[in-house]
């Protein structure tokens, strides 16, 4: 599968990598670079570096790096063709139709097929809502006091309950695949053949991923029946524990406000957004997960989590605290008064009072200690509380958070802080298996001229064929870099693009891969008017260094031949030296 390299370069020239990365991460300017928390590993101090001039990124923490295309592939889990198509649509670059061998027109990936089908069906649900049959759903929306703008923003729709096949019939009429619709969770295969609708008689909530693609649906029943809420099953494009409802719409508000409000349901998000609270997301019928927090950390390290004051809410808080601490996120616990849910509260008291409660919300660890850990009345109860607290503290990785937690527990239970620390340390050391010694990263020695040429080729891949025509790889002295150069030429001629992460994909290649990206980020910007000269100078200097090394080796051999009196060998070596000097002179001229 080969793309026209001129189209790839056109796409790369039109995309601003800082703007692309900022769609998924919060970046801050630092000199000529932009810094943010890495989306590929956990860190407290930003080391994910994006350079606008070179259109590349590199993480000094985990070593991940690449260009606009590889960034989208990694952060959005897209294949190369999917990333190219997405960026082409984004930038207005028209890609020619591509074929694969004799198979004719290339088939879209399953991901794209399902997403496109979901979009078509969501549009039909929206039309249903506006139709006479959708009056029951419109009345419900009116009762919930949602504005037309909010209904449109969240793409609300309606699935009728008249034939059990309204959606299936639409899919068939549109010439779309019912088998694909089954994979997407829209229809269910009947026992006696055929398909029937999963969603019937429900207000429909399309579920978008962080990129705005519709990946699933939720539905609230409008008449009697169970369950009240029905969600799509997990599919090739939808995993509940890895997506948050409303995040695509909330991410800019999250960046601006500096925190995210986490609630439980669709209507909580929609009602709050309807009232002007836009930095809000919800889990999708599942408890908060580590993947949820990894997703949120791209935009903020601060969260306010809404919990019910009942026993289930306390259990959720208990689980969430461990996750927040493990993800190095600063979280606060919000418990609404009078058993209100967010929808009730915002309608009754308004946005300003909610803002006041959010501002006064305690840290989630303080709330845990004061309200979940409880107060021990007897020696036995206090002993159990200490045991529970110690088990929990052992799960906290951050030493500062751990010490703050220990201090609060010691104050609450009236226990000597130093004693509690020693006991927790003793338990931790005894329980945890021995940890292998930390391995220092493998250090590699690379020829600076050779690795710089590789860096330039990655920045200007259209120069790959120049590297081949100049036969500069014949003059490389580092075997690893020579092999890499050969792979780059082969890959470029075959595919029309270069992805260093694919070419250097093994663990053994990691030091070299990281070295190249680190050098690329740290090197000064390339003057566009000097590109040709930079390449020619770099190639010339590589060759000169090779001749210098060959001359040195011949001189050593000549000295040895002279010492042993081997005249024939001396004559051969003299001829070699003259030839080297002549070639070197031609190179300079």
Protein backbone atom coordinates (compact mmCIF):
# COMPACT_ATOMS: atom_id res chain seq x y z
CA UNK A 1 0.00 0.00 0.00
CA UNK A 2 1.85 3.12 -1.22
CA UNK A 3 0.84 6.74 -0.84
CA UNK A 4 2.08 9.48 -3.15
CA UNK A 5 4.97 10.97 -1.19
CA UNK A 6 4.17 14.46 -2.47
CA UNK A 7 0.69 14.16 -0.94
CA UNK A 8 2.16 12.99 2.37
CA UNK A 9 4.56 15.95 2.40
CA UNK A 10 1.70 18.30 1.51
CA UNK A 11 -0.33 16.97 4.45
CA UNK A 12 2.63 17.30 6.83
CA UNK A 13 3.28 20.85 5.63
CA UNK A 14 -0.34 21.86 6.29
CA UNK A 15 -0.69 20.33 9.76
CA UNK A 16 0.66 22.23 12.75
CA UNK A 17 1.89 19.53 15.14
CA UNK A 18 1.41 21.84 18.14
CA UNK A 19 -2.25 22.41 17.21
CA UNK A 20 -2.77 18.69 16.54
CA UNK A 21 -1.19 17.68 19.86
CA UNK A 22 -3.20 20.38 21.64
CA UNK A 23 -6.43 18.68 20.55
CA UNK A 24 -5.50 15.78 22.82
CA UNK A 25 -3.07 17.28 25.37
CA UNK A 26 -2.51 20.44 27.37
CA UNK A 27 0.74 22.04 26.23
CA UNK A 28 2.64 25.04 27.56
CA UNK A 29 5.30 27.00 25.70
CA UNK A 30 8.86 26.50 26.93
CA UNK A 31 11.40 28.34 24.78
CA UNK A 32 11.01 27.18 21.20
CA UNK A 33 9.31 23.95 22.30
CA UNK A 34 5.98 23.07 23.91
CA UNK A 35 5.76 20.79 26.95
CA UNK A 36 3.00 18.60 28.35
CA UNK A 37 2.39 15.42 30.31
CA UNK A 38 3.18 12.41 28.16
CA UNK A 39 0.08 10.46 27.02
CA UNK A 40 2.14 7.28 26.69
CA UNK A 41 3.42 6.91 30.25
CA UNK A 42 2.68 8.24 33.73
CA UNK A 43 4.69 11.23 34.86
CA UNK A 44 4.36 14.19 37.20
CA UNK A 45 6.77 16.60 35.50
CA UNK A 46 6.05 17.29 31.81
CA UNK A 47 8.67 15.77 29.53
CA UNK A 48 6.59 15.36 26.36
CA UNK A 49 8.19 17.86 23.98
CA UNK A 50 6.68 19.19 20.74
CA UNK A 51 8.69 21.26 18.28
CA UNK A 52 6.75 23.39 15.80
CA UNK A 53 9.65 24.24 13.45
CA UNK A 54 10.59 20.60 12.90
CA UNK A 55 7.05 19.26 13.25
CA UNK A 56 8.16 16.47 15.60
CA UNK A 57 7.55 15.31 19.16
CA UNK A 58 9.72 13.45 21.64
CA UNK A 59 9.22 12.36 25.24
CA UNK A 60 12.40 12.60 27.32
CA UNK A 61 10.73 10.30 29.85
CA UNK A 62 9.77 7.24 27.80
CA UNK A 63 11.53 7.87 24.49
CA UNK A 64 8.43 7.94 22.25
CA UNK A 65 8.81 10.26 19.27
CA UNK A 66 7.64 10.98 15.76
CA UNK A 67 5.96 13.43 13.40
CA UNK A 68 2.35 14.58 12.93
CA UNK A 69 1.38 11.27 11.32
CA UNK A 70 2.96 9.02 13.93
CA UNK A 71 1.57 11.23 16.71
CA UNK A 72 -1.98 10.69 15.43
CA UNK A 73 -1.33 6.98 14.93
CA UNK A 74 -0.12 6.56 18.51
CA UNK A 75 -2.48 8.86 20.37
CA UNK A 76 -5.61 7.88 18.40
CA UNK A 77 -4.65 4.24 17.82
CA UNK A 78 -5.03 4.66 14.06
CA UNK A 79 -3.31 2.76 11.28
CA UNK A 80 -1.13 4.70 8.85
CA UNK A 81 -3.82 4.85 6.12
CA UNK A 82 -6.42 5.97 8.71
CA UNK A 83 -4.11 8.70 9.99
CA UNK A 84 -3.33 9.92 6.46
CA UNK A 85 -7.04 9.99 5.56
CA UNK A 86 -7.93 11.84 8.78
CA UNK A 87 -5.24 14.48 8.27
CA UNK A 88 -6.10 14.83 4.57
CA UNK A 89 -9.72 15.57 5.45
CA UNK A 90 -8.57 17.96 8.17
CA UNK A 91 -6.28 19.89 5.84
CA UNK A 92 -8.31 19.69 2.64
CA UNK A 93 -5.71 17.61 0.78
CA UNK A 94 -7.39 15.45 -1.86
CA UNK A 95 -6.02 11.92 -1.91
CA UNK A 96 -6.29 9.96 -5.17
CA UNK A 97 -8.25 6.72 -5.07
CA UNK A 98 -5.93 3.86 -4.22
CA UNK A 99 -6.18 0.22 -5.16
CA UNK A 100 -4.62 -2.93 -3.82
CA UNK A 101 -3.44 -5.37 -6.48
CA UNK A 102 -6.31 -6.96 -8.37
CA UNK A 103 -8.79 -6.49 -5.58
CA UNK A 104 -9.81 -3.07 -6.88
CA UNK A 105 -10.92 -0.30 -4.57
CA UNK A 106 -9.38 -0.59 -1.10
CA UNK A 107 -11.87 -1.54 1.60
CA UNK A 108 -12.15 0.74 4.57
CA UNK A 109 -11.01 -0.65 7.88
CA UNK A 110 -13.55 -2.15 10.24
CA UNK A 111 -13.07 0.83 12.55
CA UNK A 112 -14.00 3.29 9.83
CA UNK A 113 -16.89 1.18 8.61
CA UNK A 114 -18.47 1.01 12.07
CA UNK A 115 -17.88 4.71 12.78
CA UNK A 116 -19.42 5.68 9.42
CA UNK A 117 -22.41 3.40 10.03
CA UNK A 118 -22.91 4.86 13.51
CA UNK A 119 -22.90 8.37 12.05
CA UNK A 120 -25.55 7.45 9.46
CA UNK A 121 -27.74 5.82 12.11
CA UNK A 122 -27.27 8.75 14.53
CA UNK A 123 -28.50 11.09 11.79
CA UNK A 124 -31.55 8.87 11.33
CA UNK A 125 -32.21 8.87 15.11
CA UNK A 126 -32.04 12.68 14.97
CA UNK A 127 -34.58 12.76 12.13
CA UNK A 128 -36.81 10.43 14.14
CA UNK A 129 -36.73 12.87 17.06
CA UNK A 130 -37.98 15.68 14.80
CA UNK A 131 -40.68 13.48 13.19
CA UNK A 132 -44.30 13.14 14.38
CA UNK A 133 -43.37 9.76 15.94
CA UNK A 134 -40.75 11.52 18.05
CA UNK A 135 -43.24 13.67 19.98
CA UNK A 136 -42.98 11.46 23.08
CA UNK A 137 -39.19 12.01 23.10
CA UNK A 138 -39.50 15.75 22.39
CA UNK A 139 -41.95 16.11 25.28
CA UNK A 140 -39.48 14.33 27.57
CA UNK A 141 -36.64 16.62 26.44
CA UNK A 142 -38.91 19.63 27.06
CA UNK A 143 -39.72 18.31 30.54
CA UNK A 144 -35.98 18.10 31.27
CA UNK A 145 -35.70 21.77 30.20
CA UNK A 146 -33.00 21.16 27.60
CA UNK A 147 -32.42 23.89 25.03
CA UNK A 148 -32.54 23.20 21.28
CA UNK A 149 -28.85 24.05 21.15
CA UNK A 150 -28.03 21.41 23.79
CA UNK A 151 -30.14 18.79 21.97
CA UNK A 152 -28.26 19.57 18.77
CA UNK A 153 -24.85 19.72 20.48
CA UNK A 154 -25.25 16.24 22.00
CA UNK A 155 -26.93 14.87 18.84
CA UNK A 156 -29.88 13.49 20.78
CA UNK A 157 -32.23 11.23 18.85
CA UNK A 158 -35.14 8.82 19.11
CA UNK A 159 -35.56 5.11 18.38
CA UNK A 160 -39.25 4.23 17.78
CA UNK A 161 -40.85 1.09 19.17
CA UNK A 162 -43.40 0.30 16.50
CA UNK A 163 -42.02 -2.60 14.44
CA UNK A 164 -38.90 -3.83 16.32
CA UNK A 165 -37.13 -3.27 12.99
CA UNK A 166 -37.19 0.50 12.42
CA UNK A 167 -33.42 0.87 12.56
CA UNK A 168 -32.76 -2.44 10.78
CA UNK A 169 -35.12 -1.43 7.96
CA UNK A 170 -33.37 1.94 7.60
CA UNK A 171 -29.97 0.21 7.42
CA UNK A 172 -31.23 -2.14 4.70
CA UNK A 173 -32.86 0.68 2.70
CA UNK A 174 -29.62 2.65 2.87
CA UNK A 175 -27.75 -0.32 1.38
CA UNK A 176 -25.69 -0.80 4.52
CA UNK A 177 -24.68 -4.10 6.09
CA UNK A 178 -26.86 -5.59 8.85
CA UNK A 179 -23.98 -7.91 9.72
CA UNK A 180 -21.83 -4.83 10.30
CA UNK A 181 -24.70 -3.27 12.30
CA UNK A 182 -24.64 -6.36 14.53
CA UNK A 183 -20.89 -5.87 15.08
CA UNK A 184 -21.63 -2.24 15.93
CA UNK A 185 -24.23 -3.30 18.52
CA UNK A 186 -27.12 -1.60 16.71
CA UNK A 187 -29.10 -4.75 15.90
CA UNK A 188 -29.39 -8.23 17.38
CA UNK A 189 -29.56 -11.46 15.39
CA UNK A 190 -32.85 -13.32 15.90
CA UNK A 191 -32.94 -17.02 16.76
CA UNK A 192 -34.88 -17.79 13.60
CA UNK A 193 -32.82 -15.59 11.32
CA UNK A 194 -33.07 -11.89 10.58
CA UNK A 195 -32.26 -8.98 12.85
CA UNK A 196 -34.18 -6.74 15.24
CA UNK A 197 -33.33 -3.36 16.80
CA UNK A 198 -31.39 -3.14 20.04
CA UNK A 199 -32.81 0.32 20.85
CA UNK A 200 -36.59 0.66 20.82
CA UNK A 201 -38.83 3.32 22.37
CA UNK A 202 -35.85 5.22 23.76
CA UNK A 203 -34.31 8.67 23.77
CA UNK A 204 -30.90 8.12 22.17
CA UNK A 205 -27.56 9.51 23.36
CA UNK A 206 -24.80 9.07 20.76
CA UNK A 207 -21.48 8.36 22.49
CA UNK A 208 -18.45 10.05 20.96
CA UNK A 209 -14.80 9.27 21.53
CA UNK A 210 -12.32 12.06 22.21
CA UNK A 211 -11.94 12.59 18.44
CA UNK A 212 -15.66 13.24 17.93
CA UNK A 213 -16.38 9.91 16.23
CA UNK A 214 -19.65 8.23 17.24
CA UNK A 215 -18.57 4.88 18.66
CA UNK A 216 -21.69 3.72 20.53
CA UNK A 217 -25.15 4.69 21.80
CA UNK A 218 -27.05 4.91 25.04
CA UNK A 219 -30.84 4.95 25.30
CA UNK A 220 -33.33 5.96 28.02
CA UNK A 221 -36.69 4.24 27.93
CA UNK A 222 -39.63 6.62 27.62
CA UNK A 223 -42.49 4.32 28.62
CA UNK A 224 -42.77 1.58 31.24
CA UNK A 225 -40.10 -1.08 31.04
CA UNK A 226 -36.60 -2.11 32.04
CA UNK A 227 -33.80 -1.36 31.96
CA UNK A 228 -34.23 2.38 32.32
CA UNK A 229 -30.92 2.94 30.49
CA UNK A 230 -29.56 0.63 27.81
CA UNK A 231 -26.07 0.93 26.37
CA UNK A 232 -24.32 -0.47 23.32
CA UNK A 233 -22.27 -3.59 24.02
CA UNK A 234 -18.52 -3.34 23.65
CA UNK A 235 -17.48 -3.46 20.00
CA UNK A 236 -14.27 -3.19 17.94
CA UNK A 237 -14.50 0.61 18.37
CA UNK A 238 -16.03 0.90 21.85
CA UNK A 239 -14.69 -0.12 25.26
CA UNK A 240 -16.64 1.34 28.20
CA UNK A 241 -13.67 1.53 30.54
CA UNK A 242 -11.62 3.53 28.02
CA UNK A 243 -14.10 6.23 27.03
CA UNK A 244 -15.77 9.09 28.89
CA UNK A 245 -19.11 10.56 27.86
CA UNK A 246 -18.83 14.22 26.86
CA UNK A 247 -15.02 14.44 26.86
CA UNK A 248 -14.78 15.56 23.25
CA UNK A 249 -17.05 18.51 24.02
CA UNK A 250 -15.54 19.23 27.44
CA UNK A 251 -11.80 19.10 26.74
CA UNK A 252 -11.36 22.81 25.92
CA UNK A 253 -13.38 23.86 28.98
CA UNK A 254 -11.32 21.43 31.09
CA UNK A 255 -8.13 23.08 29.89
CA UNK A 256 -9.47 26.57 30.53
CA UNK A 257 -10.88 25.83 34.01
CA UNK A 258 -7.92 23.69 35.04
CA UNK A 259 -10.02 20.78 36.30
CA UNK A 260 -12.63 18.23 35.27
CA UNK A 261 -15.92 17.43 37.01
CA UNK A 262 -16.66 13.69 36.89
CA UNK A 263 -20.31 12.59 37.20
CA UNK A 264 -22.21 9.35 36.62
CA UNK A 265 -24.77 9.63 33.82
CA UNK A 266 -25.65 11.10 30.43
CA UNK A 267 -28.24 13.49 31.81
CA UNK A 268 -25.87 14.71 34.52
CA UNK A 269 -23.44 15.82 31.80
CA UNK A 270 -26.14 17.22 29.51
CA UNK A 271 -28.01 19.12 32.26
CA UNK A 272 -24.83 20.67 33.65
CA UNK A 273 -23.67 21.64 30.16
CA UNK A 274 -27.14 23.05 29.46
CA UNK A 275 -26.68 25.26 32.56
CA UNK A 276 -23.23 26.47 31.49
CA UNK A 277 -20.99 23.94 33.29
CA UNK A 278 -18.96 22.62 30.38
CA UNK A 279 -15.92 20.95 31.97
CA UNK A 280 -17.89 17.81 32.85
CA UNK A 281 -17.69 14.15 31.79
CA UNK A 282 -19.35 10.88 32.87
CA UNK A 283 -18.38 7.25 33.03
CA UNK A 284 -20.36 4.92 30.78
CA UNK A 285 -22.15 2.53 33.09
CA UNK A 286 -18.94 1.39 34.71
CA UNK A 287 -16.81 2.37 37.70
CA UNK A 288 -13.95 4.79 37.16
CA UNK A 289 -10.90 3.03 35.68
CA UNK A 290 -7.19 3.72 35.33
CA UNK A 291 -7.72 4.14 31.57
CA UNK A 292 -10.30 6.85 32.26
CA UNK A 293 -7.79 8.79 34.31
CA UNK A 294 -5.01 8.30 31.76
CA UNK A 295 -7.38 9.84 29.22
CA UNK A 296 -8.18 12.78 31.51
CA UNK A 297 -4.53 13.40 32.36
CA UNK A 298 -3.98 14.56 28.80
CA UNK A 299 -5.99 17.66 29.65
CA UNK A 300 -5.62 18.18 33.40
CA UNK A 301 -4.17 16.73 36.59
CA UNK A 302 -7.07 18.06 38.66
CA UNK A 303 -10.49 16.47 39.09
CA UNK A 304 -13.61 16.90 41.18
CA UNK A 305 -15.46 13.60 41.47
CA UNK A 306 -19.13 13.57 42.36
CA UNK A 307 -20.16 10.78 44.76
CA UNK A 308 -23.48 9.74 46.27
CA UNK A 309 -23.59 9.91 50.08
CA UNK A 310 -24.91 6.32 50.32
CA UNK A 311 -22.94 3.09 50.90
CA UNK A 312 -22.46 2.49 47.16
CA UNK A 313 -21.06 5.99 46.79
CA UNK A 314 -18.60 5.38 49.63
CA UNK A 315 -17.38 2.19 47.99
CA UNK A 316 -16.94 4.06 44.71
CA UNK A 317 -14.95 6.73 46.53
CA UNK A 318 -12.77 4.08 48.18
CA UNK A 319 -11.91 2.58 44.77
CA UNK A 320 -11.48 5.97 43.13
CA UNK A 321 -9.05 7.31 45.73
CA UNK A 322 -6.58 4.56 44.99
CA UNK A 323 -6.89 5.22 41.25
CA UNK A 324 -6.42 8.98 41.58
CA UNK A 325 -3.33 8.58 43.75
CA UNK A 326 -1.93 5.93 41.42
CA UNK A 327 -2.41 8.22 38.42
CA UNK A 328 -0.74 11.20 40.17
CA UNK A 329 -3.93 13.24 39.92
CA UNK A 330 -5.19 15.77 42.46
CA UNK A 331 -8.81 14.92 43.18
CA UNK A 332 -11.50 16.42 45.37
CA UNK A 333 -14.71 14.76 46.54
CA UNK A 334 -18.04 16.49 45.94
CA UNK A 335 -21.11 15.26 47.83
CA UNK A 336 -24.27 17.16 46.89
CA UNK A 337 -26.69 18.00 49.74
CA UNK A 338 -30.13 16.49 50.30
CA UNK A 339 -29.34 13.47 48.15
CA UNK A 340 -29.56 15.59 44.99
CA UNK A 341 -28.14 14.39 41.71
CA UNK A 342 -26.44 17.03 39.51
CA UNK A 343 -29.54 17.49 37.36
CA UNK A 344 -31.75 18.15 40.41
CA UNK A 345 -29.20 20.43 42.05
CA UNK A 346 -28.47 22.62 39.04
CA UNK A 347 -32.18 23.14 38.40
CA UNK A 348 -32.94 23.91 42.06
CA UNK A 349 -29.92 25.99 43.06
CA UNK A 350 -28.19 27.07 39.83
CA UNK A 351 -24.62 27.18 38.57
CA UNK A 352 -23.27 29.71 41.09
CA UNK A 353 -24.10 27.53 44.11
CA UNK A 354 -22.60 24.50 42.39
CA UNK A 355 -19.41 26.50 41.76
CA UNK A 356 -19.30 27.37 45.48
CA UNK A 357 -19.62 23.70 46.47
CA UNK A 358 -16.90 22.73 44.01
CA UNK A 359 -14.57 25.41 45.40
CA UNK A 360 -15.14 24.15 48.95
CA UNK A 361 -14.85 20.42 48.10
CA UNK A 362 -12.21 18.69 50.27
CA UNK A 363 -9.40 16.64 48.83
CA UNK A 364 -10.52 13.10 48.22
CA UNK A 365 -7.96 11.76 50.73
CA UNK A 366 -9.24 14.10 53.46
CA UNK A 367 -12.80 13.06 52.73
CA UNK A 368 -11.77 9.41 52.85
CA UNK A 369 -10.11 9.82 56.25
CA UNK A 370 -12.95 11.86 57.75
CA UNK A 371 -15.93 10.04 56.32
CA UNK A 372 -14.95 6.59 55.05
CA UNK A 373 -12.26 5.54 57.49
CA UNK A 374 -14.54 6.64 60.32
CA UNK A 375 -13.89 7.10 64.05
CA UNK A 376 -12.80 4.26 66.26
CA UNK A 377 -14.53 4.24 69.66
CA UNK A 378 -12.64 1.31 71.15
CA UNK A 379 -9.09 -0.02 71.09
CA UNK A 380 -10.16 -2.85 68.76
CA UNK A 381 -11.86 -0.43 66.35
CA UNK A 382 -8.80 1.84 66.27
CA UNK A 383 -6.57 -1.17 65.67
CA UNK A 384 -8.74 -2.20 62.70
CA UNK A 385 -8.70 1.35 61.35
CA UNK A 386 -4.90 1.44 61.51
CA UNK A 387 -4.74 -1.90 59.71
CA UNK A 388 -7.10 -0.66 56.97
CA UNK A 389 -5.19 2.59 56.62
CA UNK A 390 -1.84 0.81 56.42
CA UNK A 391 -3.08 -1.49 53.67
CA UNK A 392 -4.24 1.54 51.74
CA UNK A 393 -1.07 3.61 52.29
CA UNK A 394 0.99 0.73 50.94
CA UNK A 395 -0.71 1.24 47.57
CA UNK A 396 0.29 4.91 47.27
CA UNK A 397 3.33 5.26 45.04
CA UNK A 398 4.04 8.96 45.48
CA UNK A 399 6.13 9.59 48.63
CA UNK A 400 4.78 13.10 49.23
CA UNK A 401 1.17 11.91 48.98
CA UNK A 402 2.01 8.95 51.19
CA UNK A 403 3.54 11.16 53.91
CA UNK A 404 0.60 13.57 53.85
CA UNK A 405 -1.80 10.66 54.16
CA UNK A 406 0.14 9.16 57.07
CA UNK A 407 0.22 12.52 58.83
CA UNK A 408 -3.57 12.94 58.58
CA UNK A 409 -4.22 9.37 59.79
CA UNK A 410 -1.84 9.82 62.73
CA UNK A 411 -3.59 13.06 63.71
CA UNK A 412 -7.04 11.51 63.44
CA UNK A 413 -6.25 8.39 65.44
CA UNK A 414 -3.86 10.04 67.91
CA UNK A 415 -0.93 7.80 66.95
CA UNK A 416 2.71 8.84 66.83
CA UNK A 417 3.46 9.66 63.18
CA UNK A 418 7.04 8.31 63.23
CA UNK A 419 5.82 5.03 64.74
CA UNK A 420 3.13 4.69 62.07
CA UNK A 421 5.68 5.38 59.33
CA UNK A 422 8.06 2.74 60.66
CA UNK A 423 5.29 0.16 60.90
CA UNK A 424 4.08 0.88 57.35
CA UNK A 425 7.65 0.68 56.06
CA UNK A 426 8.21 -2.62 57.87
CA UNK A 427 5.02 -4.11 56.44
CA UNK A 428 5.79 -2.86 52.95
CA UNK A 429 9.31 -4.29 52.96
CA UNK A 430 8.10 -7.61 54.35
CA UNK A 431 5.16 -8.01 51.96
CA UNK A 432 6.70 -6.78 48.75
CA UNK A 433 8.90 -9.19 46.79
CA UNK A 434 12.46 -8.15 46.13
CA UNK A 435 12.69 -5.60 43.37
CA UNK A 436 15.36 -6.11 40.78
CA UNK A 437 18.02 -3.44 40.63
CA UNK A 438 17.22 -0.49 38.42
CA UNK A 439 18.76 -0.91 35.02
CA UNK A 440 20.53 2.03 33.56
CA UNK A 441 19.59 2.71 29.95
CA UNK A 442 21.97 1.21 27.44
CA UNK A 443 24.41 3.83 26.23
CA UNK A 444 25.37 3.81 22.58
CA UNK A 445 28.15 5.56 20.73
CA UNK A 446 27.02 6.98 17.42
CA UNK A 447 28.93 8.85 14.75
CA UNK A 448 27.53 12.42 15.04
CA UNK A 449 27.81 13.12 11.30
CA UNK A 450 26.05 9.90 10.35
CA UNK A 451 23.27 10.22 12.89
CA UNK A 452 22.76 13.85 11.85
CA UNK A 453 22.24 12.80 8.24
CA UNK A 454 19.67 10.25 9.42
CA UNK A 455 17.99 13.04 11.39
CA UNK A 456 17.88 15.29 8.31
CA UNK A 457 16.41 12.48 6.21
CA UNK A 458 13.64 12.00 8.77
CA UNK A 459 12.94 15.75 8.63
CA UNK A 460 13.12 15.86 4.81
CA UNK A 461 12.27 12.31 3.62
CA UNK A 462 12.05 13.48 -0.01
CA UNK A 463 15.87 13.60 0.14
CA UNK A 464 16.08 9.85 0.71
CA UNK A 465 16.80 9.10 -2.94
CA UNK A 466 19.61 11.68 -2.88
CA UNK A 467 21.21 9.71 -0.05
CA UNK A 468 20.97 6.61 -2.26
CA UNK A 469 22.32 8.26 -5.43
CA UNK A 470 25.28 9.71 -3.53
CA UNK A 471 26.05 6.21 -2.20
CA UNK A 472 26.84 7.85 1.11
CA UNK A 473 25.96 4.69 3.06
CA UNK A 474 29.10 3.08 1.59
CA UNK A 475 31.04 5.61 3.68
CA UNK A 476 29.17 5.01 6.97
CA UNK A 477 31.46 3.61 9.66
CA UNK A 478 28.75 2.72 12.19
CA UNK A 479 27.16 -0.59 11.18
CA UNK A 480 23.90 0.10 13.05
CA UNK A 481 23.47 3.46 11.30
CA UNK A 482 24.38 2.01 7.91
CA UNK A 483 21.76 -0.73 8.36
CA UNK A 484 19.23 1.89 9.43
CA UNK A 485 19.98 3.99 6.34
CA UNK A 486 19.48 0.97 4.09
CA UNK A 487 16.13 0.24 5.77
CA UNK A 488 15.07 3.87 5.36
CA UNK A 489 15.79 3.81 1.60
CA UNK A 490 14.02 0.48 1.16
CA UNK A 491 10.97 1.59 3.19
CA UNK A 492 10.70 4.95 1.41
CA UNK A 493 10.86 3.35 -2.05
CA UNK A 494 8.24 0.80 -1.04
CA UNK A 495 5.75 2.91 0.95
CA UNK A 496 6.54 6.54 0.22
CA UNK A 497 6.99 7.48 3.87
CA UNK A 498 9.34 6.79 6.78
CA UNK A 499 8.29 5.82 10.31
CA UNK A 500 11.37 5.37 12.46
CA UNK A 501 9.23 3.66 15.11
CA UNK A 502 8.42 0.88 12.65
CA UNK A 503 11.94 0.59 11.24
CA UNK A 504 13.47 0.58 14.76
CA UNK A 505 10.69 -1.27 16.53
CA UNK A 506 12.54 -3.80 18.68
CA UNK A 507 13.72 -3.30 22.26
CA UNK A 508 17.32 -3.61 21.07
CA UNK A 509 16.74 -0.66 18.73
CA UNK A 510 15.28 1.57 21.46
CA UNK A 511 18.54 3.36 22.47
CA UNK A 512 19.26 4.30 18.85
CA UNK A 513 15.64 5.35 18.23
CA UNK A 514 15.61 7.56 21.33
CA UNK A 515 19.01 9.03 20.47
CA UNK A 516 17.76 10.12 17.05
CA UNK A 517 14.60 11.77 18.40
CA UNK A 518 16.49 13.44 21.24
CA UNK A 519 18.99 14.86 18.77
CA UNK A 520 16.14 16.04 16.52
CA UNK A 521 14.43 17.92 19.34
CA UNK A 522 17.64 19.49 20.64
CA UNK A 523 19.10 20.49 17.25
CA UNK A 524 18.53 24.14 16.21
CA UNK A 525 15.81 24.78 13.61
CA UNK A 526 16.82 24.10 10.01
CA UNK A 527 16.92 27.13 7.72
CA UNK A 528 14.75 26.16 4.72
CA UNK A 529 17.12 28.06 2.42
CA UNK A 530 20.02 25.96 3.69
CA UNK A 531 18.51 22.48 3.32
CA UNK A 532 20.38 21.62 0.10
CA UNK A 533 23.65 22.89 1.49
CA UNK A 534 23.17 21.09 4.81
CA UNK A 535 22.68 17.79 2.99
CA UNK A 536 25.62 18.24 0.66
CA UNK A 537 27.91 19.42 3.47
CA UNK A 538 26.87 16.54 5.71
CA UNK A 539 27.44 13.97 2.97
CA UNK A 540 30.81 15.50 2.05
CA UNK A 541 31.99 15.48 5.68
CA UNK A 542 30.93 11.84 6.14
CA UNK A 543 32.99 10.88 3.10
CA UNK A 544 35.95 12.99 4.24
CA UNK A 545 35.88 11.30 7.63
CA UNK A 546 35.80 7.89 5.94
CA UNK A 547 38.83 8.80 3.78
CA UNK A 548 40.65 10.08 6.85
CA UNK A 549 39.99 6.80 8.66
CA UNK A 550 41.04 4.71 5.66
CA UNK A 551 44.22 6.80 5.30
CA UNK A 552 45.01 6.23 8.97
CA UNK A 553 44.58 2.46 8.58
CA UNK A 554 46.83 2.35 5.47
CA UNK A 555 49.49 4.41 7.27
CA UNK A 556 49.51 1.90 10.15
CA UNK A 557 49.89 -0.98 7.68
CA UNK A 558 52.70 0.89 5.82
CA UNK A 559 54.59 1.35 9.07
CA UNK A 560 54.24 -2.35 9.87
CA UNK A 561 55.35 -3.33 6.33
CA UNK A 562 58.37 -1.04 6.61
CA UNK A 563 59.35 -2.55 9.95
CA UNK A 564 59.37 -6.08 8.52
CA UNK A 565 60.95 -4.97 5.22
CA UNK A 566 58.11 -6.17 2.96
CA UNK A 567 58.71 -4.06 -0.20
CA UNK A 568 55.94 -5.67 -2.25
CA UNK A 569 53.35 -4.88 0.41
CA UNK A 570 54.78 -1.36 0.71
CA UNK A 571 54.28 -0.81 -3.03
CA UNK A 572 50.64 -2.02 -2.82
CA UNK A 573 49.95 0.18 0.18
CA UNK A 574 51.58 3.17 -1.49
CA UNK A 575 49.27 2.70 -4.49
CA UNK A 576 46.29 2.50 -2.11
CA UNK A 577 47.40 5.70 -0.38
CA UNK A 578 47.77 7.57 -3.70
CA UNK A 579 44.34 6.37 -4.79
CA UNK A 580 42.80 7.53 -1.52
CA UNK A 581 44.50 10.93 -1.78
CA UNK A 582 43.27 11.34 -5.37
CA UNK A 583 39.67 10.43 -4.49
CA UNK A 584 39.75 12.73 -1.47
CA UNK A 585 41.02 15.58 -3.64
CA UNK A 586 38.21 14.99 -6.15
CA UNK A 587 35.68 15.04 -3.31
CA UNK A 588 36.90 18.47 -2.16
CA UNK A 589 36.79 19.87 -5.68
